[in-house]
């Protein structure tokens, strides 16, 4: 297994991110799902400069992005968004798309369960046709009930992946599994060969090793199912604005380049702008915890 990290958790240039993770011995990045923000040729030059490979991307299902929306035009727009993300990943030499089907933060459905299931399968199958033609894999990602009502557990993601096609996979995330699974180790085993990506953060969504998750058992279970791909670090540090804050240097009071959309996405995840120093510490803690286990 190798280590990647997402870059949506802090507003900074791609080059700044790559410089940091190169020094800390990461080998891959799961690039933010905002293809409009990247010039692929320039990004590839930076990847080559710092010796980092694109592992894939995660969809940012914000605002009107929703594969199970009642409005057909909204569903069509959402499918095109994911295909645009897939195109960026393909052009950067990546392998996977971590796909959350519904709008993050939307917890009330608009239609009957059977309708939403049909729309989700239909939309993902259209994306799947594109990814199959370009040698990519979709990993349907369950996230917790406070962020979506649709796919919360591994067995649900597995059922959706099986409905889409034989090469459609699942992406599991330790933070969400800790909230939703009766036994995360059994879930990993049940998903088995359909596991195409694996996101890592501790139970408190801090860096691996800063909470109570059993990382030795998590990694050994992945080895048991012969998962030999990438672990993708995706902490999203909760902010403490009280005198009990253990990390007084963590809050960035004057963020640079943080768009309104990014700010809302971070705040929806219980976080906000963090300092370079704090973020670097979390990045280092992640690899220090995981490297000796993989």
C-alpha atoms as a PDB file:
ATOM      1  CA  UNK A   1       0.000   0.000   0.000  1.00  0.00           C
ATOM      2  CA  UNK A   2       1.044   3.584  -0.642  1.00  0.00           C
ATOM      3  CA  UNK A   3      -0.072   6.886   0.869  1.00  0.00           C
ATOM      4  CA  UNK A   4      -1.991   9.741  -0.703  1.00  0.00           C
ATOM      5  CA  UNK A   5      -3.573  12.851   0.765  1.00  0.00           C
ATOM      6  CA  UNK A   6      -6.495  15.019  -0.301  1.00  0.00           C
ATOM      7  CA  UNK A   7      -5.984  18.735  -0.863  1.00  0.00           C
ATOM      8  CA  UNK A   8      -9.486  20.088  -0.214  1.00  0.00           C
ATOM      9  CA  UNK A   9      -8.942  20.516   3.546  1.00  0.00           C
ATOM     10  CA  UNK A  10      -6.892  23.731   3.277  1.00  0.00           C
ATOM     11  CA  UNK A  11      -6.977  26.610   0.790  1.00  0.00           C
ATOM     12  CA  UNK A  12      -3.477  26.777  -0.682  1.00  0.00           C
ATOM     13  CA  UNK A  13      -1.786  26.403  -4.031  1.00  0.00           C
ATOM     14  CA  UNK A  14      -1.303  22.956  -5.515  1.00  0.00           C
ATOM     15  CA  UNK A  15       2.446  23.569  -5.574  1.00  0.00           C
ATOM     16  CA  UNK A  16       2.477  24.349  -1.847  1.00  0.00           C
ATOM     17  CA  UNK A  17       0.654  21.086  -1.128  1.00  0.00           C
ATOM     18  CA  UNK A  18       2.973  19.057  -3.355  1.00  0.00           C
ATOM     19  CA  UNK A  19       6.083  20.612  -1.811  1.00  0.00           C
ATOM     20  CA  UNK A  20       4.877  19.670   1.683  1.00  0.00           C
ATOM     21  CA  UNK A  21       3.917  16.079   0.916  1.00  0.00           C
ATOM     22  CA  UNK A  22       7.082  15.490  -1.111  1.00  0.00           C
ATOM     23  CA  UNK A  23       9.164  16.357   1.965  1.00  0.00           C
ATOM     24  CA  UNK A  24       7.048  13.993   4.081  1.00  0.00           C
ATOM     25  CA  UNK A  25       7.393  11.029   1.677  1.00  0.00           C
ATOM     26  CA  UNK A  26       3.841  10.804   0.372  1.00  0.00           C
ATOM     27  CA  UNK A  27       3.679   9.338  -3.133  1.00  0.00           C
ATOM     28  CA  UNK A  28       0.169  10.316  -4.333  1.00  0.00           C
ATOM     29  CA  UNK A  29      -2.499  13.001  -4.126  1.00  0.00           C
ATOM     30  CA  UNK A  30      -6.282  12.737  -4.376  1.00  0.00           C
ATOM     31  CA  UNK A  31      -6.914  16.055  -6.059  1.00  0.00           C
ATOM     32  CA  UNK A  32      -9.854  18.283  -5.197  1.00  0.00           C
ATOM     33  CA  UNK A  33     -12.905  17.722  -7.384  1.00  0.00           C
ATOM     34  CA  UNK A  34     -12.899  21.200  -8.903  1.00  0.00           C
ATOM     35  CA  UNK A  35     -11.638  20.648 -12.460  1.00  0.00           C
ATOM     36  CA  UNK A  36     -12.295  24.286 -13.329  1.00  0.00           C
ATOM     37  CA  UNK A  37      -9.503  25.282 -10.916  1.00  0.00           C
ATOM     38  CA  UNK A  38      -6.722  23.319 -12.630  1.00  0.00           C
ATOM     39  CA  UNK A  39      -4.773  23.648 -15.821  1.00  0.00           C
ATOM     40  CA  UNK A  40      -4.039  19.962 -16.363  1.00  0.00           C
ATOM     41  CA  UNK A  41      -0.761  20.537 -18.227  1.00  0.00           C
ATOM     42  CA  UNK A  42       0.565  22.865 -15.508  1.00  0.00           C
ATOM     43  CA  UNK A  43      -0.603  20.496 -12.778  1.00  0.00           C
ATOM     44  CA  UNK A  44       1.176  17.571 -14.454  1.00  0.00           C
ATOM     45  CA  UNK A  45       4.397  19.586 -14.626  1.00  0.00           C
ATOM     46  CA  UNK A  46       4.131  20.179 -10.880  1.00  0.00           C
ATOM     47  CA  UNK A  47       3.443  16.485 -10.225  1.00  0.00           C
ATOM     48  CA  UNK A  48       6.553  15.595 -12.202  1.00  0.00           C
ATOM     49  CA  UNK A  49       8.633  18.271 -10.459  1.00  0.00           C
ATOM     50  CA  UNK A  50       7.781  16.989  -6.987  1.00  0.00           C
ATOM     51  CA  UNK A  51       7.621  13.283  -7.830  1.00  0.00           C
ATOM     52  CA  UNK A  52       3.950  12.921  -6.847  1.00  0.00           C
ATOM     53  CA  UNK A  53       1.358  10.893  -8.763  1.00  0.00           C
ATOM     54  CA  UNK A  54      -2.350  11.629  -9.081  1.00  0.00           C
ATOM     55  CA  UNK A  55      -4.263   8.823  -7.363  1.00  0.00           C
ATOM     56  CA  UNK A  56      -7.695  10.214  -8.188  1.00  0.00           C
ATOM     57  CA  UNK A  57     -10.251  12.753  -7.057  1.00  0.00           C
ATOM     58  CA  UNK A  58     -13.197  13.070  -4.714  1.00  0.00           C
ATOM     59  CA  UNK A  59     -16.463  14.621  -5.867  1.00  0.00           C
ATOM     60  CA  UNK A  60     -17.515  17.770  -4.018  1.00  0.00           C
ATOM     61  CA  UNK A  61     -21.291  17.379  -4.052  1.00  0.00           C
ATOM     62  CA  UNK A  62     -22.232  20.939  -3.170  1.00  0.00           C
ATOM     63  CA  UNK A  63     -25.175  23.240  -3.885  1.00  0.00           C
ATOM     64  CA  UNK A  64     -27.226  21.675  -6.720  1.00  0.00           C
ATOM     65  CA  UNK A  65     -25.016  18.637  -7.393  1.00  0.00           C
ATOM     66  CA  UNK A  66     -27.181  15.603  -6.721  1.00  0.00           C
ATOM     67  CA  UNK A  67     -27.448  12.412  -8.784  1.00  0.00           C
ATOM     68  CA  UNK A  68     -30.846  11.620  -7.236  1.00  0.00           C
ATOM     69  CA  UNK A  69     -32.470  15.025  -7.605  1.00  0.00           C
ATOM     70  CA  UNK A  70     -36.118  15.121  -8.603  1.00  0.00           C
ATOM     71  CA  UNK A  71     -35.334  17.602 -11.394  1.00  0.00           C
ATOM     72  CA  UNK A  72     -33.964  15.800 -14.493  1.00  0.00           C
ATOM     73  CA  UNK A  73     -31.931  18.870 -15.506  1.00  0.00           C
ATOM     74  CA  UNK A  74     -30.279  18.899 -12.084  1.00  0.00           C
ATOM     75  CA  UNK A  75     -29.414  15.214 -12.414  1.00  0.00           C
ATOM     76  CA  UNK A  76     -27.996  15.802 -15.893  1.00  0.00           C
ATOM     77  CA  UNK A  77     -25.840  18.666 -14.636  1.00  0.00           C
ATOM     78  CA  UNK A  78     -24.613  16.503 -11.747  1.00  0.00           C
ATOM     79  CA  UNK A  79     -23.664  13.630 -14.064  1.00  0.00           C
ATOM     80  CA  UNK A  80     -21.724  16.046 -16.264  1.00  0.00           C
ATOM     81  CA  UNK A  81     -19.899  17.413 -13.215  1.00  0.00           C
ATOM     82  CA  UNK A  82     -18.697  13.941 -12.206  1.00  0.00           C
ATOM     83  CA  UNK A  83     -17.666  13.205 -15.806  1.00  0.00           C
ATOM     84  CA  UNK A  84     -15.665  16.450 -15.795  1.00  0.00           C
ATOM     85  CA  UNK A  85     -13.908  15.292 -12.618  1.00  0.00           C
ATOM     86  CA  UNK A  86     -13.237  11.917 -14.248  1.00  0.00           C
ATOM     87  CA  UNK A  87     -11.808  13.618 -17.327  1.00  0.00           C
ATOM     88  CA  UNK A  88      -9.400  15.608 -15.147  1.00  0.00           C
ATOM     89  CA  UNK A  89      -8.307  12.439 -13.336  1.00  0.00           C
ATOM     90  CA  UNK A  90      -7.778  10.587 -16.604  1.00  0.00           C
ATOM     91  CA  UNK A  91      -5.686  13.419 -18.053  1.00  0.00           C
ATOM     92  CA  UNK A  92      -3.556  13.475 -14.885  1.00  0.00           C
ATOM     93  CA  UNK A  93      -2.958   9.720 -15.022  1.00  0.00           C
ATOM     94  CA  UNK A  94      -5.118   8.935 -11.984  1.00  0.00           C
ATOM     95  CA  UNK A  95      -7.078   5.769 -11.258  1.00  0.00           C
ATOM     96  CA  UNK A  96     -10.168   6.402  -9.104  1.00  0.00           C
ATOM     97  CA  UNK A  97     -13.160   8.676  -8.576  1.00  0.00           C
ATOM     98  CA  UNK A  98     -14.495   8.722  -5.013  1.00  0.00           C
ATOM     99  CA  UNK A  99     -18.183   9.371  -5.610  1.00  0.00           C
ATOM    100  CA  UNK A 100     -20.756  10.579  -3.091  1.00  0.00           C
ATOM    101  CA  UNK A 101     -24.053  10.322  -5.017  1.00  0.00           C
ATOM    102  CA  UNK A 102     -26.130  12.965  -3.190  1.00  0.00           C
ATOM    103  CA  UNK A 103     -25.643  16.550  -2.044  1.00  0.00           C
ATOM    104  CA  UNK A 104     -23.485  16.723   1.090  1.00  0.00           C
ATOM    105  CA  UNK A 105     -25.525  18.331   3.859  1.00  0.00           C
ATOM    106  CA  UNK A 106     -28.889  17.337   2.366  1.00  0.00           C
ATOM    107  CA  UNK A 107     -30.606  15.036   4.850  1.00  0.00           C
ATOM    108  CA  UNK A 108     -34.235  15.175   3.683  1.00  0.00           C
ATOM    109  CA  UNK A 109     -35.303  13.222   0.558  1.00  0.00           C
ATOM    110  CA  UNK A 110     -37.425  14.690  -2.245  1.00  0.00           C
ATOM    111  CA  UNK A 111     -38.793  11.476  -3.744  1.00  0.00           C
ATOM    112  CA  UNK A 112     -39.690   7.868  -3.026  1.00  0.00           C
ATOM    113  CA  UNK A 113     -36.817   5.454  -2.247  1.00  0.00           C
ATOM    114  CA  UNK A 114     -37.370   3.419  -5.418  1.00  0.00           C
ATOM    115  CA  UNK A 115     -37.286   6.581  -7.558  1.00  0.00           C
ATOM    116  CA  UNK A 116     -34.056   7.819  -5.997  1.00  0.00           C
ATOM    117  CA  UNK A 117     -32.433   4.414  -6.383  1.00  0.00           C
ATOM    118  CA  UNK A 118     -33.366   4.308 -10.063  1.00  0.00           C
ATOM    119  CA  UNK A 119     -31.993   7.807 -10.670  1.00  0.00           C
ATOM    120  CA  UNK A 120     -28.776   7.048  -8.805  1.00  0.00           C
ATOM    121  CA  UNK A 121     -28.163   3.836 -10.767  1.00  0.00           C
ATOM    122  CA  UNK A 122     -29.027   5.522 -14.062  1.00  0.00           C
ATOM    123  CA  UNK A 123     -26.714   8.485 -13.430  1.00  0.00           C
ATOM    124  CA  UNK A 124     -23.790   6.441 -12.174  1.00  0.00           C
ATOM    125  CA  UNK A 125     -24.132   4.020 -15.090  1.00  0.00           C
ATOM    126  CA  UNK A 126     -23.681   6.943 -17.487  1.00  0.00           C
ATOM    127  CA  UNK A 127     -20.554   7.983 -15.583  1.00  0.00           C
ATOM    128  CA  UNK A 128     -19.454   4.334 -15.464  1.00  0.00           C
ATOM    129  CA  UNK A 129     -19.548   4.107 -19.263  1.00  0.00           C
ATOM    130  CA  UNK A 130     -17.085   7.007 -19.389  1.00  0.00           C
ATOM    131  CA  UNK A 131     -14.795   5.646 -16.661  1.00  0.00           C
ATOM    132  CA  UNK A 132     -14.724   2.182 -18.206  1.00  0.00           C
ATOM    133  CA  UNK A 133     -13.714   3.671 -21.558  1.00  0.00           C
ATOM    134  CA  UNK A 134     -10.867   5.570 -19.862  1.00  0.00           C
ATOM    135  CA  UNK A 135      -9.518   2.906 -17.521  1.00  0.00           C
ATOM    136  CA  UNK A 136     -10.827   4.517 -14.319  1.00  0.00           C
ATOM    137  CA  UNK A 137     -12.765   3.056 -11.414  1.00  0.00           C
ATOM    138  CA  UNK A 138     -15.622   4.574  -9.445  1.00  0.00           C
ATOM    139  CA  UNK A 139     -15.587   4.097  -5.681  1.00  0.00           C
ATOM    140  CA  UNK A 140     -19.038   4.838  -4.215  1.00  0.00           C
ATOM    141  CA  UNK A 141     -18.417   6.357  -0.796  1.00  0.00           C
ATOM    142  CA  UNK A 142     -20.784   6.044   2.175  1.00  0.00           C
ATOM    143  CA  UNK A 143     -20.783   9.087   4.452  1.00  0.00           C
ATOM    144  CA  UNK A 144     -22.484   9.580   7.801  1.00  0.00           C
ATOM    145  CA  UNK A 145     -26.178  10.303   8.359  1.00  0.00           C
ATOM    146  CA  UNK A 146     -25.521  13.930   9.334  1.00  0.00           C
ATOM    147  CA  UNK A 147     -24.163  14.618   5.836  1.00  0.00           C
ATOM    148  CA  UNK A 148     -26.523  12.503   3.721  1.00  0.00           C
ATOM    149  CA  UNK A 149     -29.592  10.317   4.123  1.00  0.00           C
ATOM    150  CA  UNK A 150     -28.813   8.115   1.113  1.00  0.00           C
ATOM    151  CA  UNK A 151     -25.661   5.961   1.368  1.00  0.00           C
ATOM    152  CA  UNK A 152     -24.300   5.686   4.927  1.00  0.00           C
ATOM    153  CA  UNK A 153     -22.931   2.138   5.205  1.00  0.00           C
ATOM    154  CA  UNK A 154     -20.642  -0.094   3.224  1.00  0.00           C
ATOM    155  CA  UNK A 155     -23.331  -2.656   2.417  1.00  0.00           C
ATOM    156  CA  UNK A 156     -25.470   0.100   0.862  1.00  0.00           C
ATOM    157  CA  UNK A 157     -22.565   1.301  -1.278  1.00  0.00           C
ATOM    158  CA  UNK A 158     -21.845  -2.306  -2.253  1.00  0.00           C
ATOM    159  CA  UNK A 159     -25.457  -2.825  -3.353  1.00  0.00           C
ATOM    160  CA  UNK A 160     -25.322   0.331  -5.477  1.00  0.00           C
ATOM    161  CA  UNK A 161     -21.966  -0.630  -6.996  1.00  0.00           C
ATOM    162  CA  UNK A 162     -23.324  -4.079  -7.910  1.00  0.00           C
ATOM    163  CA  UNK A 163     -26.362  -2.469  -9.536  1.00  0.00           C
ATOM    164  CA  UNK A 164     -24.139  -0.204 -11.642  1.00  0.00           C
ATOM    165  CA  UNK A 165     -21.706  -2.725 -13.102  1.00  0.00           C
ATOM    166  CA  UNK A 166     -19.043  -5.387 -12.475  1.00  0.00           C
ATOM    167  CA  UNK A 167     -16.128  -2.945 -12.187  1.00  0.00           C
ATOM    168  CA  UNK A 168     -17.896  -0.335 -10.084  1.00  0.00           C
ATOM    169  CA  UNK A 169     -16.304  -0.251  -6.650  1.00  0.00           C
ATOM    170  CA  UNK A 170     -16.636   1.114  -3.142  1.00  0.00           C
ATOM    171  CA  UNK A 171     -14.569   3.695  -1.267  1.00  0.00           C
ATOM    172  CA  UNK A 172     -14.627   3.296   2.512  1.00  0.00           C
ATOM    173  CA  UNK A 173     -13.727   5.998   5.017  1.00  0.00           C
ATOM    174  CA  UNK A 174     -12.701   5.179   8.584  1.00  0.00           C
ATOM    175  CA  UNK A 175     -14.264   8.338  10.057  1.00  0.00           C
ATOM    176  CA  UNK A 176     -17.680   7.568   8.588  1.00  0.00           C
ATOM    177  CA  UNK A 177     -17.414   3.834   9.319  1.00  0.00           C
ATOM    178  CA  UNK A 178     -16.740   4.582  12.985  1.00  0.00           C
ATOM    179  CA  UNK A 179     -20.089   6.394  13.125  1.00  0.00           C
ATOM    180  CA  UNK A 180     -22.231   4.098  10.986  1.00  0.00           C
ATOM    181  CA  UNK A 181     -20.908   0.525  10.969  1.00  0.00           C
ATOM    182  CA  UNK A 182     -21.680  -2.042  13.642  1.00  0.00           C
ATOM    183  CA  UNK A 183     -18.250  -3.515  12.913  1.00  0.00           C
ATOM    184  CA  UNK A 184     -15.957  -1.722  10.476  1.00  0.00           C
ATOM    185  CA  UNK A 185     -13.692  -4.754  10.104  1.00  0.00           C
ATOM    186  CA  UNK A 186     -16.587  -6.950   8.990  1.00  0.00           C
ATOM    187  CA  UNK A 187     -17.590  -4.226   6.529  1.00  0.00           C
ATOM    188  CA  UNK A 188     -14.116  -4.119   5.014  1.00  0.00           C
ATOM    189  CA  UNK A 189     -14.253  -7.893   4.551  1.00  0.00           C
ATOM    190  CA  UNK A 190     -17.754  -7.795   3.070  1.00  0.00           C
ATOM    191  CA  UNK A 191     -16.791  -5.148   0.494  1.00  0.00           C
ATOM    192  CA  UNK A 192     -13.707  -7.229  -0.282  1.00  0.00           C
ATOM    193  CA  UNK A 193     -12.554  -7.065  -3.891  1.00  0.00           C
ATOM    194  CA  UNK A 194     -14.919  -4.181  -4.635  1.00  0.00           C
ATOM    195  CA  UNK A 195     -12.797  -1.904  -2.420  1.00  0.00           C
ATOM    196  CA  UNK A 196     -11.031   0.474  -4.799  1.00  0.00           C
ATOM    197  CA  UNK A 197     -10.112   3.321  -2.446  1.00  0.00           C
ATOM    198  CA  UNK A 198      -9.736   3.812   1.294  1.00  0.00           C
ATOM    199  CA  UNK A 199      -9.920   7.157   3.115  1.00  0.00           C
ATOM    200  CA  UNK A 200      -8.262   7.507   6.499  1.00  0.00           C
ATOM    201  CA  UNK A 201      -8.907   9.825   9.434  1.00  0.00           C
ATOM    202  CA  UNK A 202      -9.350   9.066  13.112  1.00  0.00           C
ATOM    203  CA  UNK A 203     -12.675   8.851  14.950  1.00  0.00           C
ATOM    204  CA  UNK A 204     -12.522  12.598  15.735  1.00  0.00           C
ATOM    205  CA  UNK A 205     -11.585  13.353  12.101  1.00  0.00           C
ATOM    206  CA  UNK A 206      -8.123  14.383  13.192  1.00  0.00           C
ATOM    207  CA  UNK A 207      -5.037  12.714  11.721  1.00  0.00           C
ATOM    208  CA  UNK A 208      -4.697   8.940  12.145  1.00  0.00           C
ATOM    209  CA  UNK A 209      -3.174   8.314  15.551  1.00  0.00           C
ATOM    210  CA  UNK A 210      -4.892  11.263  17.238  1.00  0.00           C
ATOM    211  CA  UNK A 211      -8.039   9.378  18.257  1.00  0.00           C
ATOM    212  CA  UNK A 212      -9.040   5.903  19.387  1.00  0.00           C
ATOM    213  CA  UNK A 213      -9.200   3.889  16.155  1.00  0.00           C
ATOM    214  CA  UNK A 214      -7.178   0.672  16.030  1.00  0.00           C
ATOM    215  CA  UNK A 215      -4.920   1.384  13.059  1.00  0.00           C
ATOM    216  CA  UNK A 216      -2.963  -1.835  13.378  1.00  0.00           C
ATOM    217  CA  UNK A 217      -6.176  -3.875  13.063  1.00  0.00           C
ATOM    218  CA  UNK A 218      -7.511  -1.678  10.243  1.00  0.00           C
ATOM    219  CA  UNK A 219      -4.355  -2.191   8.181  1.00  0.00           C
ATOM    220  CA  UNK A 220      -4.167  -5.909   8.940  1.00  0.00           C
ATOM    221  CA  UNK A 221      -7.801  -6.305   7.820  1.00  0.00           C
ATOM    222  CA  UNK A 222      -7.001  -4.520   4.556  1.00  0.00           C
ATOM    223  CA  UNK A 223      -4.081  -6.899   4.057  1.00  0.00           C
ATOM    224  CA  UNK A 224      -6.393  -9.833   4.807  1.00  0.00           C
ATOM    225  CA  UNK A 225      -8.625  -8.905   1.847  1.00  0.00           C
ATOM    226  CA  UNK A 226      -5.465  -8.257  -0.226  1.00  0.00           C
ATOM    227  CA  UNK A 227      -6.105  -4.541  -0.652  1.00  0.00           C
ATOM    228  CA  UNK A 228      -2.808  -3.294  -2.037  1.00  0.00           C
ATOM    229  CA  UNK A 229      -3.752   0.099  -3.433  1.00  0.00           C
ATOM    230  CA  UNK A 230      -3.614   3.515  -1.756  1.00  0.00           C
ATOM    231  CA  UNK A 231      -4.581   4.841   1.664  1.00  0.00           C
ATOM    232  CA  UNK A 232      -5.819   8.385   1.130  1.00  0.00           C
ATOM    233  CA  UNK A 233      -5.441  10.695   4.151  1.00  0.00           C
ATOM    234  CA  UNK A 234      -8.543  12.874   4.631  1.00  0.00           C
ATOM    235  CA  UNK A 235      -8.542  14.464   8.062  1.00  0.00           C
ATOM    236  CA  UNK A 236     -10.736  17.531   8.555  1.00  0.00           C
ATOM    237  CA  UNK A 237      -9.764  18.954  11.899  1.00  0.00           C
ATOM    238  CA  UNK A 238     -12.580  20.145  14.174  1.00  0.00           C
ATOM    239  CA  UNK A 239     -11.931  23.651  15.439  1.00  0.00           C
ATOM    240  CA  UNK A 240     -11.850  24.556  19.111  1.00  0.00           C
ATOM    241  CA  UNK A 241     -12.667  28.207  19.830  1.00  0.00           C
ATOM    242  CA  UNK A 242     -12.590  27.780  23.616  1.00  0.00           C
ATOM    243  CA  UNK A 243      -9.830  28.109  26.233  1.00  0.00           C
ATOM    244  CA  UNK A 244      -9.620  24.289  26.163  1.00  0.00           C
ATOM    245  CA  UNK A 245      -8.035  24.379  22.687  1.00  0.00           C
ATOM    246  CA  UNK A 246      -4.976  22.123  22.703  1.00  0.00           C
ATOM    247  CA  UNK A 247      -3.717  23.695  19.483  1.00  0.00           C
ATOM    248  CA  UNK A 248      -3.808  27.495  19.877  1.00  0.00           C
ATOM    249  CA  UNK A 249      -1.938  27.885  16.579  1.00  0.00           C
ATOM    250  CA  UNK A 250      -4.596  26.009  14.602  1.00  0.00           C
ATOM    251  CA  UNK A 251      -7.045  28.713  13.462  1.00  0.00           C
ATOM    252  CA  UNK A 252      -6.087  30.825  10.464  1.00  0.00           C
ATOM    253  CA  UNK A 253      -7.390  34.314  11.169  1.00  0.00           C
ATOM    254  CA  UNK A 254      -6.541  35.736   7.754  1.00  0.00           C
ATOM    255  CA  UNK A 255      -7.002  32.945   5.172  1.00  0.00           C
ATOM    256  CA  UNK A 256      -5.597  33.521   1.714  1.00  0.00           C
ATOM    257  CA  UNK A 257      -7.445  32.219  -1.335  1.00  0.00           C
ATOM    258  CA  UNK A 258     -10.351  30.641   0.549  1.00  0.00           C
ATOM    259  CA  UNK A 259     -13.417  30.935  -1.684  1.00  0.00           C
ATOM    260  CA  UNK A 260     -16.917  31.250  -0.265  1.00  0.00           C
ATOM    261  CA  UNK A 261     -17.702  27.738  -1.579  1.00  0.00           C
ATOM    262  CA  UNK A 262     -14.592  26.252   0.073  1.00  0.00           C
ATOM    263  CA  UNK A 263     -15.340  28.065   3.323  1.00  0.00           C
ATOM    264  CA  UNK A 264     -18.889  26.704   3.407  1.00  0.00           C
ATOM    265  CA  UNK A 265     -17.715  23.171   2.584  1.00  0.00           C
ATOM    266  CA  UNK A 266     -15.163  23.239   5.402  1.00  0.00           C
ATOM    267  CA  UNK A 267     -17.665  24.711   7.854  1.00  0.00           C
ATOM    268  CA  UNK A 268     -20.220  22.064   6.866  1.00  0.00           C
ATOM    269  CA  UNK A 269     -17.576  19.525   7.922  1.00  0.00           C
ATOM    270  CA  UNK A 270     -17.108  21.169  11.341  1.00  0.00           C
ATOM    271  CA  UNK A 271     -13.900  22.909  10.360  1.00  0.00           C
ATOM    272  CA  UNK A 272     -12.700  26.138   8.763  1.00  0.00           C
ATOM    273  CA  UNK A 273      -9.430  27.744   7.705  1.00  0.00           C
ATOM    274  CA  UNK A 274      -6.423  26.298   9.529  1.00  0.00           C
ATOM    275  CA  UNK A 275      -2.833  27.483   9.711  1.00  0.00           C
ATOM    276  CA  UNK A 276      -0.017  26.049   7.623  1.00  0.00           C
ATOM    277  CA  UNK A 277       1.809  24.991  10.785  1.00  0.00           C
ATOM    278  CA  UNK A 278      -1.169  23.060  12.174  1.00  0.00           C
ATOM    279  CA  UNK A 279      -2.023  21.479   8.821  1.00  0.00           C
ATOM    280  CA  UNK A 280       1.575  20.355   8.314  1.00  0.00           C
ATOM    281  CA  UNK A 281       1.554  18.758  11.764  1.00  0.00           C
ATOM    282  CA  UNK A 282      -1.589  16.782  10.868  1.00  0.00           C
ATOM    283  CA  UNK A 283      -0.085  15.718   7.545  1.00  0.00           C
ATOM    284  CA  UNK A 284       3.088  14.501   9.262  1.00  0.00           C
ATOM    285  CA  UNK A 285       1.206  12.745  12.061  1.00  0.00           C
ATOM    286  CA  UNK A 286      -0.812  10.816   9.465  1.00  0.00           C
ATOM    287  CA  UNK A 287       2.182   9.370   7.679  1.00  0.00           C
ATOM    288  CA  UNK A 288       4.080   8.756  10.929  1.00  0.00           C
ATOM    289  CA  UNK A 289       1.164   6.628  12.171  1.00  0.00           C
ATOM    290  CA  UNK A 290       0.535   4.697   8.975  1.00  0.00           C
ATOM    291  CA  UNK A 291       3.890   4.237   7.272  1.00  0.00           C
ATOM    292  CA  UNK A 292       5.258   1.583   9.612  1.00  0.00           C
ATOM    293  CA  UNK A 293       1.991  -0.393   9.401  1.00  0.00           C
ATOM    294  CA  UNK A 294       1.703  -0.654   5.634  1.00  0.00           C
END
